Protein backbone atom coordinates (compact mmCIF):
# COMPACT_ATOMS: atom_id res chain seq x y z
CA MET A 1 82.99 -97.83 -55.83
CA TRP A 2 81.89 -94.66 -54.04
CA LYS A 3 78.81 -94.43 -56.27
CA GLU A 4 77.79 -98.00 -55.46
CA CYS A 5 78.18 -97.27 -51.74
CA VAL A 6 75.85 -94.26 -52.01
CA LEU A 7 73.17 -96.32 -53.73
CA LEU A 8 73.61 -99.13 -51.21
CA LEU A 9 73.08 -96.66 -48.38
CA VAL A 10 69.93 -95.35 -50.08
CA ILE A 11 68.54 -98.86 -50.55
CA THR A 12 69.44 -99.80 -46.98
CA HIS A 13 67.61 -96.73 -45.71
CA ILE A 14 64.49 -97.76 -47.58
CA SER A 15 64.59 -101.39 -46.50
CA THR A 16 65.06 -100.56 -42.81
CA GLY A 17 62.79 -97.49 -42.71
CA ILE A 18 59.31 -96.87 -41.36
CA ASP A 19 56.32 -98.87 -42.62
CA PRO A 20 55.77 -97.37 -46.11
CA HIS A 21 51.99 -97.70 -45.70
CA SER A 22 51.78 -95.52 -42.59
CA SER A 23 51.04 -91.82 -42.30
CA GLN A 24 54.24 -91.53 -40.26
CA TYR A 25 56.23 -92.70 -43.27
CA PHE A 26 54.74 -90.04 -45.56
CA SER A 27 55.23 -87.37 -42.92
CA SER A 28 58.87 -88.30 -42.35
CA ILE A 29 59.68 -88.09 -46.07
CA ARG A 30 57.93 -84.74 -46.39
CA GLU A 31 60.02 -83.37 -43.53
CA LYS A 32 63.17 -84.50 -45.31
CA VAL A 33 61.99 -82.85 -48.52
CA LYS A 34 61.46 -79.60 -46.59
CA GLU A 35 64.92 -79.80 -45.06
CA ILE A 36 66.48 -80.19 -48.52
CA PHE A 37 64.34 -77.38 -49.93
CA TYR A 38 65.25 -74.89 -47.22
CA HIS A 39 68.95 -75.75 -47.40
CA ALA A 40 68.87 -74.75 -51.08
CA TYR A 41 66.39 -71.88 -50.70
CA ASN A 42 68.17 -70.23 -47.78
CA GLY A 43 71.47 -70.74 -49.56
CA TYR A 44 70.08 -68.78 -52.50
CA LEU A 45 68.73 -65.99 -50.29
CA ASP A 46 71.93 -65.68 -48.27
CA ASN A 47 74.39 -65.90 -51.14
CA ALA A 48 72.76 -65.21 -54.50
CA TYR A 49 69.66 -62.98 -54.26
CA PRO A 50 68.81 -60.85 -56.27
CA TYR A 51 70.62 -62.76 -59.03
CA ASP A 52 68.75 -65.42 -60.98
CA GLU A 53 70.54 -68.48 -59.61
CA LEU A 54 72.85 -69.72 -56.90
CA ARG A 55 76.31 -70.99 -57.81
CA PRO A 56 76.53 -73.71 -55.16
CA LEU A 57 80.27 -74.38 -55.25
CA THR A 58 81.40 -70.78 -54.87
CA CYS A 59 78.28 -69.69 -52.92
CA ASP A 60 77.53 -66.61 -54.99
CA GLY A 61 74.96 -65.59 -57.58
CA VAL A 62 74.68 -65.28 -61.34
CA ASN A 63 72.08 -64.02 -63.82
CA THR A 64 71.16 -66.66 -66.37
CA TRP A 65 67.75 -66.18 -67.96
CA GLY A 66 67.14 -62.45 -67.68
CA SER A 67 67.83 -60.90 -64.28
CA PHE A 68 64.41 -61.72 -62.79
CA SER A 69 65.55 -63.03 -59.38
CA LEU A 70 64.48 -66.17 -61.15
CA THR A 71 64.92 -68.70 -58.35
CA LEU A 72 62.70 -66.59 -56.09
CA VAL A 73 59.93 -66.39 -58.71
CA ASP A 74 60.22 -70.07 -59.62
CA ALA A 75 60.17 -71.23 -55.98
CA LEU A 76 57.30 -69.01 -54.84
CA ASP A 77 54.44 -71.46 -55.31
CA THR A 78 56.57 -74.24 -53.81
CA LEU A 79 56.60 -72.22 -50.58
CA ALA A 80 52.81 -72.24 -50.58
CA ILE A 81 52.65 -75.97 -51.30
CA LEU A 82 55.05 -76.65 -48.42
CA GLY A 83 52.76 -74.58 -46.19
CA ASN A 84 55.12 -71.66 -45.54
CA TYR A 85 52.54 -68.95 -46.07
CA THR A 86 54.46 -66.30 -44.14
CA GLU A 87 57.44 -66.51 -46.48
CA PHE A 88 55.15 -66.75 -49.49
CA ARG A 89 53.51 -63.45 -48.55
CA ARG A 90 56.85 -61.77 -47.89
CA VAL A 91 58.31 -62.84 -51.23
CA ALA A 92 55.14 -62.08 -53.21
CA ASN A 93 55.06 -58.53 -51.86
CA LEU A 94 58.80 -58.17 -52.48
CA LEU A 95 58.42 -59.20 -56.11
CA VAL A 96 55.50 -56.83 -56.64
CA ASP A 97 57.65 -53.98 -55.31
CA THR A 98 60.91 -54.83 -57.07
CA LEU A 99 60.35 -56.61 -60.39
CA ASP A 100 60.95 -54.32 -63.35
CA PHE A 101 60.62 -55.78 -66.83
CA ASN A 102 61.44 -52.58 -68.73
CA GLN A 103 65.12 -53.44 -68.93
CA ASN A 104 67.69 -53.70 -71.71
CA ILE A 105 67.96 -57.47 -71.29
CA ASN A 106 67.94 -60.23 -73.88
CA ALA A 107 65.65 -62.96 -72.58
CA SER A 108 64.61 -66.40 -73.78
CA VAL A 109 60.98 -66.17 -74.88
CA PHE A 110 60.36 -69.81 -73.91
CA GLU A 111 62.06 -69.74 -70.49
CA THR A 112 60.60 -66.36 -69.58
CA ASN A 113 57.14 -67.70 -70.27
CA ILE A 114 57.29 -71.04 -68.46
CA ARG A 115 59.34 -69.89 -65.46
CA VAL A 116 58.38 -66.26 -64.82
CA VAL A 117 54.95 -65.76 -66.40
CA GLY A 118 53.94 -69.24 -65.20
CA GLY A 119 55.36 -68.66 -61.72
CA LEU A 120 53.60 -65.32 -61.30
CA LEU A 121 50.30 -66.76 -62.53
CA SER A 122 50.46 -69.69 -60.14
CA ALA A 123 51.39 -67.45 -57.19
CA HIS A 124 48.50 -65.13 -58.06
CA LEU A 125 46.06 -68.03 -57.99
CA LEU A 126 47.44 -69.47 -54.73
CA ALA A 127 47.57 -66.09 -52.94
CA PRO A 128 44.28 -66.41 -50.98
CA LYS A 129 45.24 -69.88 -49.71
CA ALA A 130 48.45 -68.33 -48.44
CA GLY A 131 46.52 -65.68 -46.52
CA MET A 132 47.30 -62.73 -48.79
CA GLU A 133 44.85 -59.86 -48.97
CA VAL A 134 43.61 -59.93 -52.55
CA ASP A 135 41.76 -57.58 -54.87
CA PRO A 136 37.93 -57.68 -54.52
CA GLU A 137 37.81 -58.83 -58.14
CA TRP A 138 40.37 -61.62 -57.63
CA PRO A 139 41.14 -63.86 -59.52
CA CYS A 140 40.35 -61.56 -62.42
CA LYS A 141 42.61 -58.84 -61.01
CA GLY A 142 45.62 -58.64 -58.75
CA PRO A 143 49.20 -57.29 -58.60
CA LEU A 144 50.88 -60.62 -59.40
CA LEU A 145 48.54 -61.07 -62.37
CA THR A 146 49.41 -57.54 -63.51
CA LEU A 147 53.11 -58.45 -63.44
CA ALA A 148 52.43 -61.60 -65.47
CA VAL A 149 50.46 -59.62 -68.06
CA ASP A 150 53.15 -56.93 -68.28
CA LEU A 151 55.87 -59.50 -68.90
CA ALA A 152 53.79 -61.46 -71.40
CA LYS A 153 53.23 -58.27 -73.36
CA LYS A 154 57.00 -57.76 -73.42
CA ILE A 155 57.50 -61.06 -75.24
CA LEU A 156 54.51 -60.76 -77.60
CA PRO A 157 56.51 -58.94 -80.34
CA ALA A 158 58.50 -62.15 -80.80
CA PHE A 159 55.38 -63.66 -82.39
CA ASP A 160 55.16 -60.95 -85.04
CA THR A 161 56.22 -63.19 -87.91
CA GLN A 162 54.53 -64.30 -91.10
CA THR A 163 54.14 -67.80 -89.70
CA GLY A 164 52.96 -66.76 -86.23
CA MET A 165 55.85 -68.72 -84.73
CA PRO A 166 58.01 -66.72 -82.29
CA TYR A 167 61.67 -65.85 -82.32
CA GLY A 168 63.62 -67.54 -79.55
CA THR A 169 65.09 -64.41 -77.95
CA ILE A 170 63.78 -60.92 -77.35
CA ASN A 171 65.08 -57.76 -75.73
CA LEU A 172 62.57 -56.76 -73.07
CA LYS A 173 63.04 -53.06 -73.76
CA TYR A 174 63.70 -52.88 -77.51
CA GLY A 175 62.02 -55.98 -78.91
CA VAL A 176 63.45 -58.46 -81.39
CA ASP A 177 66.94 -57.64 -82.66
CA PRO A 178 66.88 -57.33 -86.49
CA LYS A 179 69.88 -59.69 -86.51
CA GLU A 180 68.18 -62.30 -84.30
CA THR A 181 68.37 -65.82 -85.71
CA PRO A 182 65.03 -67.07 -87.00
CA GLU A 183 65.77 -70.65 -85.96
CA THR A 184 63.83 -71.82 -82.91
CA CYS A 185 63.24 -75.23 -81.40
CA THR A 186 59.79 -76.78 -81.67
CA ALA A 187 59.10 -76.52 -77.95
CA GLY A 188 60.08 -72.85 -78.13
CA VAL A 189 57.23 -72.35 -80.60
CA GLY A 190 54.50 -74.50 -79.09
CA THR A 191 54.82 -74.06 -75.31
CA PHE A 192 52.73 -70.98 -74.59
CA LEU A 193 49.14 -72.17 -74.57
CA VAL A 194 48.77 -72.97 -70.85
CA GLU A 195 50.13 -69.61 -69.68
CA PHE A 196 48.71 -67.44 -72.47
CA ALA A 197 45.25 -69.00 -72.34
CA ALA A 198 45.24 -68.54 -68.56
CA LEU A 199 46.03 -64.85 -69.08
CA SER A 200 43.22 -64.50 -71.61
CA ARG A 201 40.65 -66.29 -69.47
CA LEU A 202 41.57 -64.26 -66.38
CA THR A 203 41.82 -60.82 -67.99
CA GLY A 204 39.52 -61.00 -71.00
CA ASP A 205 42.32 -60.12 -73.43
CA GLN A 206 41.81 -62.86 -75.99
CA SER A 207 44.93 -61.91 -77.96
CA PHE A 208 47.20 -64.02 -75.73
CA GLU A 209 45.29 -67.25 -76.32
CA ASN A 210 44.83 -66.53 -80.03
CA ILE A 211 48.56 -65.94 -80.51
CA ALA A 212 49.47 -69.17 -78.71
CA LEU A 213 46.91 -71.16 -80.72
CA ARG A 214 48.20 -69.71 -83.98
CA ALA A 215 51.71 -70.97 -83.15
CA VAL A 216 50.34 -74.39 -82.19
CA HIS A 217 48.47 -74.73 -85.47
CA ALA A 218 51.42 -73.42 -87.48
CA LEU A 219 53.57 -76.29 -86.20
CA ASN A 220 50.83 -78.80 -86.93
CA ALA A 221 50.53 -77.46 -90.47
CA SER A 222 54.28 -77.93 -90.95
CA LYS A 223 54.41 -81.67 -90.24
CA SER A 224 55.91 -84.03 -92.77
CA ALA A 225 54.14 -86.49 -95.05
CA LEU A 226 54.67 -89.09 -92.29
CA GLY A 227 52.89 -86.80 -89.83
CA MET A 228 55.99 -85.89 -87.80
CA ILE A 229 57.66 -82.64 -86.81
CA GLY A 230 61.35 -81.86 -86.50
CA ASN A 231 63.48 -80.30 -83.80
CA HIS A 232 64.20 -76.77 -85.09
CA ILE A 233 62.33 -74.57 -87.52
CA ASN A 234 62.84 -71.23 -89.26
CA VAL A 235 60.03 -69.07 -87.85
CA VAL A 236 60.17 -66.67 -90.82
CA THR A 237 60.00 -69.17 -93.66
CA GLY A 238 58.39 -72.10 -91.84
CA LYS A 239 61.09 -74.44 -93.15
CA TRP A 240 62.57 -77.11 -90.89
CA THR A 241 66.26 -76.70 -90.11
CA ALA A 242 66.66 -79.83 -87.93
CA LEU A 243 64.76 -82.89 -89.13
CA ASP A 244 65.14 -85.11 -86.06
CA ALA A 245 61.77 -86.17 -84.67
CA GLY A 246 61.41 -87.40 -81.09
CA VAL A 247 59.68 -86.71 -77.79
CA GLY A 248 62.66 -85.24 -75.90
CA ALA A 249 64.72 -82.06 -75.85
CA GLY A 250 63.51 -79.32 -78.17
CA VAL A 251 60.14 -80.96 -78.86
CA ASP A 252 58.77 -82.33 -75.58
CA SER A 253 56.51 -79.61 -74.18
CA TYR A 254 54.74 -79.01 -77.49
CA TYR A 255 53.13 -82.42 -77.12
CA GLU A 256 52.60 -81.77 -73.40
CA TYR A 257 50.70 -78.55 -74.07
CA LEU A 258 48.47 -80.13 -76.69
CA VAL A 259 47.21 -82.59 -74.07
CA LYS A 260 47.11 -80.15 -71.17
CA GLY A 261 45.60 -77.42 -73.34
CA ALA A 262 42.83 -79.79 -74.43
CA ILE A 263 42.03 -80.58 -70.80
CA MET A 264 42.37 -77.07 -69.40
CA LEU A 265 40.42 -75.31 -72.14
CA ASN A 266 38.00 -78.12 -72.98
CA LYS A 267 39.19 -78.08 -76.58
CA PRO A 268 38.97 -81.62 -77.96
CA GLU A 269 40.45 -80.45 -81.25
CA LEU A 270 43.81 -80.09 -79.50
CA MET A 271 43.63 -83.68 -78.31
CA ASP A 272 42.77 -84.69 -81.87
CA ILE A 273 45.95 -82.99 -83.09
CA PHE A 274 47.97 -84.83 -80.44
CA LYS A 275 46.46 -88.19 -81.37
CA GLU A 276 47.39 -87.63 -84.99
CA PHE A 277 50.99 -87.08 -83.87
CA LEU A 278 50.77 -90.14 -81.64
CA LYS A 279 50.31 -92.49 -84.60
CA PRO A 280 53.76 -91.89 -86.18
CA ILE A 281 55.32 -91.62 -82.71
CA GLU A 282 54.14 -95.14 -81.95
CA GLN A 283 55.07 -96.39 -85.42
CA HIS A 284 58.51 -94.83 -85.90
CA ILE A 285 59.87 -93.19 -82.75
CA LYS A 286 58.88 -95.83 -80.20
CA GLN A 287 61.19 -98.83 -80.47
CA GLY A 288 60.52 -101.46 -77.87
CA ASP A 289 59.89 -99.47 -74.70
CA TRP A 290 62.34 -96.72 -75.66
CA TYR A 291 61.73 -93.56 -77.69
CA MET A 292 64.45 -92.87 -80.26
CA TRP A 293 65.10 -90.01 -82.67
CA VAL A 294 64.20 -90.49 -86.33
CA ASN A 295 64.18 -88.47 -89.54
CA MET A 296 60.79 -86.75 -89.81
CA ASN A 297 60.57 -87.44 -93.54
CA THR A 298 61.76 -91.05 -93.74
CA GLY A 299 61.21 -92.48 -90.26
CA HIS A 300 64.76 -93.86 -90.21
CA THR A 301 66.56 -93.78 -86.86
CA THR A 302 69.06 -90.92 -86.58
CA MET A 303 69.93 -91.06 -82.87
CA PRO A 304 69.36 -94.25 -80.81
CA VAL A 305 69.54 -92.13 -77.66
CA HIS A 306 67.59 -91.76 -74.44
CA GLN A 307 67.53 -88.15 -73.27
CA SER A 308 66.76 -87.19 -69.69
CA LEU A 309 63.97 -84.92 -70.94
CA ASP A 310 62.25 -87.95 -72.50
CA ALA A 311 61.28 -88.98 -68.99
CA PHE A 312 58.25 -86.67 -68.93
CA TRP A 313 56.54 -88.89 -71.50
CA PRO A 314 55.25 -91.69 -69.21
CA GLY A 315 53.57 -89.06 -67.05
CA LEU A 316 51.92 -87.56 -70.12
CA GLN A 317 50.75 -91.04 -71.11
CA THR A 318 48.76 -91.30 -67.88
CA LEU A 319 46.84 -88.15 -68.87
CA TYR A 320 45.52 -89.73 -72.05
CA GLY A 321 45.02 -93.20 -70.58
CA ASP A 322 48.00 -95.23 -71.83
CA VAL A 323 49.19 -96.25 -68.37
CA GLU A 324 50.52 -99.75 -69.12
CA LYS A 325 52.84 -98.64 -71.92
CA GLY A 326 53.91 -95.67 -69.87
CA TYR A 327 54.88 -97.82 -66.91
CA LYS A 328 57.03 -100.10 -69.06
CA THR A 329 58.92 -97.11 -70.44
CA LEU A 330 59.28 -95.64 -66.97
CA LEU A 331 60.98 -98.84 -65.82
CA ASN A 332 63.54 -98.44 -68.61
CA TYR A 333 64.25 -94.91 -67.46
CA TYR A 334 64.60 -96.12 -63.87
CA SER A 335 67.22 -98.59 -64.99
CA VAL A 336 69.41 -95.76 -66.32
CA TRP A 337 68.96 -93.70 -63.17
CA TYR A 338 69.65 -96.70 -60.91
CA ARG A 339 72.95 -97.44 -62.63
CA TYR A 340 74.36 -93.95 -62.01
CA GLY A 341 72.28 -92.42 -59.24
CA GLY A 342 71.19 -89.81 -61.77
CA THR A 343 70.09 -89.67 -65.38
CA PRO A 344 72.69 -88.37 -67.88
CA GLU A 345 71.42 -85.83 -70.37
CA PHE A 346 72.09 -88.26 -73.26
CA PHE A 347 72.38 -92.04 -72.89
CA SER A 348 73.37 -94.22 -75.86
CA ILE A 349 71.06 -97.23 -75.96
CA PRO A 350 73.26 -99.39 -78.27
CA HIS A 351 76.39 -98.64 -76.23
CA ASN A 352 74.60 -98.72 -72.89
CA ALA A 353 76.56 -95.69 -71.68
CA PRO A 354 76.35 -91.89 -71.37
CA ILE A 355 77.31 -89.91 -74.46
CA GLN A 356 80.50 -87.87 -74.25
CA LYS A 357 79.89 -84.25 -73.19
CA ARG A 358 76.29 -85.13 -72.33
CA GLU A 359 76.99 -87.05 -69.13
CA GLY A 360 75.70 -84.38 -66.75
CA TYR A 361 72.67 -84.50 -64.46
CA PRO A 362 71.32 -81.03 -63.53
CA LEU A 363 68.86 -82.51 -61.01
CA ARG A 364 66.11 -82.50 -63.61
CA PRO A 365 62.48 -83.16 -62.58
CA GLU A 366 61.10 -85.20 -65.48
CA LEU A 367 61.69 -88.64 -63.97
CA ILE A 368 60.11 -87.81 -60.61
CA GLU A 369 57.33 -85.93 -62.45
CA SER A 370 56.34 -89.10 -64.28
CA THR A 371 56.71 -91.07 -61.05
CA LEU A 372 54.12 -88.79 -59.40
CA TYR A 373 51.67 -89.08 -62.30
CA MET A 374 52.16 -92.85 -62.48
CA TYR A 375 51.62 -93.24 -58.74
CA ARG A 376 48.41 -91.22 -58.96
CA ALA A 377 47.26 -93.57 -61.73
CA THR A 378 48.34 -96.91 -60.21
CA LYS A 379 49.00 -96.42 -56.45
CA ASP A 380 51.90 -98.84 -56.85
CA PRO A 381 54.01 -98.54 -53.63
CA ALA A 382 57.15 -99.40 -55.59
CA LEU A 383 56.96 -95.90 -57.01
CA LEU A 384 57.20 -94.47 -53.50
CA GLU A 385 60.37 -96.47 -52.94
CA PHE A 386 61.85 -95.00 -56.08
CA GLY A 387 60.86 -91.48 -55.08
CA GLU A 388 62.54 -91.93 -51.70
CA ALA A 389 65.67 -93.35 -53.31
CA LEU A 390 65.90 -90.41 -55.70
CA LEU A 391 65.50 -87.95 -52.84
CA TYR A 392 68.27 -89.47 -50.72
CA SER A 393 70.51 -89.92 -53.74
CA ILE A 394 70.30 -86.18 -54.53
CA ASN A 395 71.03 -85.37 -50.90
CA ALA A 396 74.05 -87.70 -50.86
CA THR A 397 75.61 -86.77 -54.19
CA ALA A 398 74.68 -83.14 -54.97
CA ARG A 399 74.61 -81.36 -51.60
CA THR A 400 77.08 -78.54 -51.01
CA GLU A 401 77.69 -76.10 -48.18
CA CYS A 402 75.10 -73.62 -49.53
CA GLY A 403 72.83 -75.58 -51.87
CA PHE A 404 72.68 -78.43 -54.39
CA ALA A 405 74.84 -78.63 -57.47
CA THR A 406 74.44 -80.01 -60.95
CA VAL A 407 76.21 -83.34 -61.29
CA LYS A 408 78.78 -82.70 -63.99
CA ASP A 409 79.39 -86.39 -64.73
CA VAL A 410 77.12 -89.16 -63.46
CA ARG A 411 79.97 -91.67 -63.75
CA ASP A 412 82.08 -90.13 -61.00
CA HIS A 413 79.64 -87.60 -59.48
CA THR A 414 81.89 -84.59 -59.93
CA LEU A 415 79.88 -81.41 -59.50
CA ASP A 416 79.30 -78.27 -61.56
CA ASN A 417 78.83 -74.78 -60.17
CA ARG A 418 75.13 -74.34 -60.96
CA MET A 419 71.79 -74.86 -59.24
CA GLU A 420 69.01 -74.47 -61.81
CA SER A 421 65.85 -72.74 -60.58
CA PHE A 422 63.79 -75.76 -61.65
CA PHE A 423 65.32 -77.77 -58.80
CA LEU A 424 63.16 -75.81 -56.34
CA ALA A 425 60.27 -75.19 -58.74
CA GLU A 426 59.86 -78.74 -60.03
CA THR A 427 62.08 -81.49 -58.64
CA ILE A 428 61.45 -80.73 -54.97
CA LYS A 429 57.78 -79.97 -55.56
CA TYR A 430 57.07 -83.24 -57.36
CA ILE A 431 58.86 -85.29 -54.69
CA TYR A 432 56.89 -83.52 -51.96
CA LEU A 433 53.56 -84.09 -53.71
CA LEU A 434 54.41 -87.76 -54.26
CA PHE A 435 54.52 -88.12 -50.47
CA ASP A 436 51.55 -85.85 -49.82
CA PRO A 437 48.75 -87.78 -51.54
CA GLU A 438 46.02 -85.80 -49.74
CA ASN A 439 47.34 -82.45 -50.92
CA GLU A 440 44.60 -80.10 -52.11
CA LEU A 441 46.24 -79.79 -55.51
CA LEU A 442 45.75 -83.50 -56.07
CA GLN A 443 42.30 -84.04 -54.58
CA THR A 444 38.99 -83.21 -56.22
CA GLY A 445 36.89 -81.08 -53.92
CA LYS A 446 39.34 -80.91 -51.02
CA GLY A 447 40.13 -77.31 -50.16
CA ALA A 448 37.37 -75.98 -52.40
CA SER A 449 35.87 -72.63 -51.48
CA ILE A 450 33.07 -70.42 -52.75
CA ARG A 451 33.73 -66.74 -53.27
CA LYS A 452 31.11 -64.09 -53.94
CA MET A 453 32.24 -61.75 -56.68
CA PRO A 454 31.42 -58.00 -56.80
CA ASN A 455 28.66 -58.59 -59.37
CA GLY A 456 26.93 -61.04 -57.03
CA ARG A 457 27.99 -64.19 -58.85
CA LYS A 458 29.38 -67.01 -56.74
CA CYS A 459 32.44 -68.86 -58.00
CA LEU A 460 33.93 -72.14 -56.84
CA PHE A 461 37.72 -72.24 -56.49
CA GLY A 462 40.27 -74.92 -55.66
CA ALA A 463 37.93 -77.77 -56.55
CA GLY A 464 40.67 -79.87 -58.11
CA GLY A 465 41.72 -80.21 -61.70
CA TYR A 466 44.86 -78.13 -61.42
CA ILE A 467 46.97 -78.10 -64.56
CA PHE A 468 50.73 -77.94 -64.02
CA ASN A 469 52.62 -76.02 -66.63
CA THR A 470 55.88 -77.47 -67.90
CA GLU A 471 57.73 -75.75 -65.01
CA ALA A 472 55.38 -77.39 -62.45
CA HIS A 473 53.46 -74.19 -61.75
CA PRO A 474 49.84 -75.22 -60.92
CA ILE A 475 46.98 -73.36 -62.62
CA ASP A 476 43.52 -73.53 -61.02
CA VAL A 477 41.18 -74.20 -63.93
CA SER A 478 38.14 -73.19 -61.88
CA ALA A 479 39.56 -69.66 -61.52
CA LEU A 480 39.90 -69.35 -65.29
CA HIS A 481 36.34 -70.58 -65.70
CA CYS A 482 35.02 -68.05 -63.17
CA CYS A 483 36.53 -64.97 -64.84
CA ASP A 484 35.79 -66.14 -68.35
CA THR A 485 32.17 -67.06 -67.58
CA MET A 486 31.50 -63.79 -65.73
CA ARG A 487 32.87 -61.78 -68.61
CA ARG A 488 30.79 -63.65 -71.16
CA GLU A 489 27.67 -63.21 -69.04
CA GLN A 490 28.34 -59.49 -68.77
CA GLU A 491 28.74 -59.22 -72.54
CA ARG A 492 25.48 -61.10 -73.10
CA SER A 493 23.76 -58.89 -70.54
CA LYS A 494 24.92 -55.72 -72.33
CA THR A 495 23.69 -57.11 -75.65
CA LEU A 496 20.29 -57.97 -74.20
CA GLN A 497 20.03 -54.55 -72.59
CA LEU A 498 20.77 -52.95 -75.93
CA PHE A 499 17.94 -54.90 -77.58
CA GLU A 500 15.56 -54.10 -74.71
CA GLU A 501 16.25 -50.38 -75.06
CA PHE A 502 15.98 -50.46 -78.83
CA ASP A 503 12.73 -48.81 -80.03
CA PRO A 504 12.27 -49.57 -83.74
CA LYS A 505 9.23 -47.28 -84.06
CA ARG A 506 11.22 -44.34 -82.77
CA VAL A 507 14.10 -45.11 -85.12
CA PHE A 508 11.76 -45.13 -88.12
CA GLU A 509 10.12 -41.95 -86.94
CA MET A 510 13.52 -40.25 -86.89
CA ASN A 511 14.22 -41.72 -90.31
CA ARG A 512 11.09 -40.04 -91.67
CA GLN A 513 12.13 -36.75 -90.10
CA ALA A 514 15.51 -37.07 -91.80
CA ARG A 515 13.90 -37.63 -95.18
CA ASP A 516 11.68 -34.59 -94.72
CA SER A 517 14.61 -32.30 -93.88
CA ASN A 518 17.46 -31.02 -96.02
CA ARG A 519 20.07 -31.85 -93.40
CA LYS A 520 22.58 -34.64 -94.02
CA PRO A 521 21.20 -37.74 -92.30
CA GLN A 522 23.27 -39.60 -89.73
CA THR A 523 23.28 -43.39 -89.93
CA TYR A 524 22.33 -45.49 -86.98
CA HIS A 525 25.83 -46.96 -86.93
CA GLU A 526 27.35 -43.47 -86.55
CA ALA A 527 25.50 -42.75 -83.29
CA GLU A 528 27.99 -42.51 -80.45
CA ASP A 529 25.65 -44.27 -78.02
CA PRO A 530 22.74 -46.37 -79.32
CA THR A 531 20.92 -45.90 -76.00
CA LEU A 532 20.62 -42.16 -76.79
CA LEU A 533 18.30 -42.95 -79.68
CA ASN A 534 15.29 -43.30 -77.39
CA ASN A 535 15.82 -39.81 -75.94
CA ALA A 536 16.86 -38.01 -79.12
CA THR A 537 14.55 -35.22 -80.29
CA ASP A 538 16.44 -33.67 -83.18
CA GLN A 539 18.90 -36.37 -84.23
CA ASN A 540 18.86 -37.06 -87.96
CA VAL A 541 19.19 -40.82 -88.03
CA ARG A 542 18.37 -43.46 -90.60
CA LEU A 543 19.06 -47.16 -90.88
CA GLY A 544 22.21 -47.93 -92.79
CA CYS A 545 20.97 -51.30 -94.10
CA GLU A 546 20.32 -51.83 -97.79
CA PRO A 547 16.65 -52.22 -98.88
CA LEU A 548 15.49 -55.80 -99.26
CA PRO A 549 12.45 -57.56 -100.75
CA TYR A 550 9.64 -57.89 -98.23
CA HIS A 551 10.02 -61.67 -97.83
CA MET A 552 13.68 -61.23 -96.80
CA LYS A 553 13.25 -58.40 -94.35
CA MET A 554 13.25 -60.68 -91.29
CA SER A 555 16.07 -62.93 -92.43
CA ARG A 556 19.23 -60.82 -92.18
CA TYR A 557 21.01 -59.09 -89.34
CA GLY A 558 18.08 -59.68 -86.97
CA GLN A 559 16.35 -56.58 -88.41
CA LEU A 560 12.98 -55.42 -87.11
CA PHE A 561 10.47 -53.62 -89.35
CA VAL A 562 7.18 -51.85 -88.71
CA ASN A 563 4.37 -51.23 -91.13
CA ASP A 564 4.37 -47.83 -92.78
């Protein structure tokens, strides 16, 4: 009865509220979102920092994913999006001064990447908007970027397997434990491309992107005869250890990063891979407007279950243009949320009820994430009503003295003593952006700026096209393009300069001198600096290329020859 009263109050608030088409309406909801955010954020600072997370029932802290002050890192870009630049600068400087990744800590490779590496990258890219003084070579350099690179390097040894797929856990100081289990979930293998490619494009170290792509392709190469992938895989042998195929927990963000990677990196081959997976998903996994779990080899249903993590899928569908199907599925997911005022982790579709021991609701973001994407695609005001209802439902059912708590059981709204960092990083952020349709992150061209780089090149930043990683950390694609393009231009310039300074007549003259002397000749390739060849007077140099017939002399290696 209490649950029904809460939902009735939420609905009454919506029906008697301000005109939902007015700017006053959007502003009033944003102010409520801020109030909820700061209640949780200040509760963390006052009671839990420097631990990873707040325990909202006992008002103390606990380390969960690696002793990173995780909530602070995860919430940093949310501060910027809410417009609190003063606190953003304070926290960014604090993290630069205090974060130390050289610790004897076992950390999740997946969570460390999406939450910490992703959070640091996003904060680095938002720093100028927040009024931080940045490196002259920003966005290609900067202290937050350095932290992200340092941490990414700490988890790279996890990828040192025959398959290229990473172990799930790594010790930040000592590497992978020899006794570490080789079994990792699919998402834990294929959810690195957005962050690692961003690192490569910003820094020029291509190894990050290459490693992430290798893992992506390794999973694709392991699909079944039906074209599906399972839930867990042995990263040493490449053999599947859990054969359930679906779009939810353990698999979800692999598909997400194929689509987002294709867009961010302009790699249509990644979208092609996704579309090949989409065929068996539509044929076997999608049943009606639900997405079930099936055996990857036979296509037979193994779990007729809706998982709360499935709810990201309609939002992903808007990115590849399948809006109508996505909206129908989203309505199904709404129906589960509406019944309980929160989505249980597992919901049995045949029994129309939460599954035992999976009835919790940790204030996950996936449903509101898809609501934001769907609203951007359709502008349907009904989606705003849902977003408002979700916001007030969280406030009514999960609020504690010092924060917001996981709902332990959606049937009676008992609470658990945990506030996941993604509540501030994702859930709050997506609700805020839903009611801030003119936000620079969502508008092409709004907030764009031109920055002159030290080499004289002008780069455009903040022009739209932000890609959100799976932890809702926005990545400015234009910043990646700037650094990557500059670096490529510099490499081309060096190559052209080398050709301009190359004097083939002088090289052949030195070759003749070498033949006429008894000293051991030095090959051109052994010269420490090719530019010294023009100034050399007593170098014994000869071309190291094999002799060729005359008619082939211009056809290999770009060689130049002069007449003897």
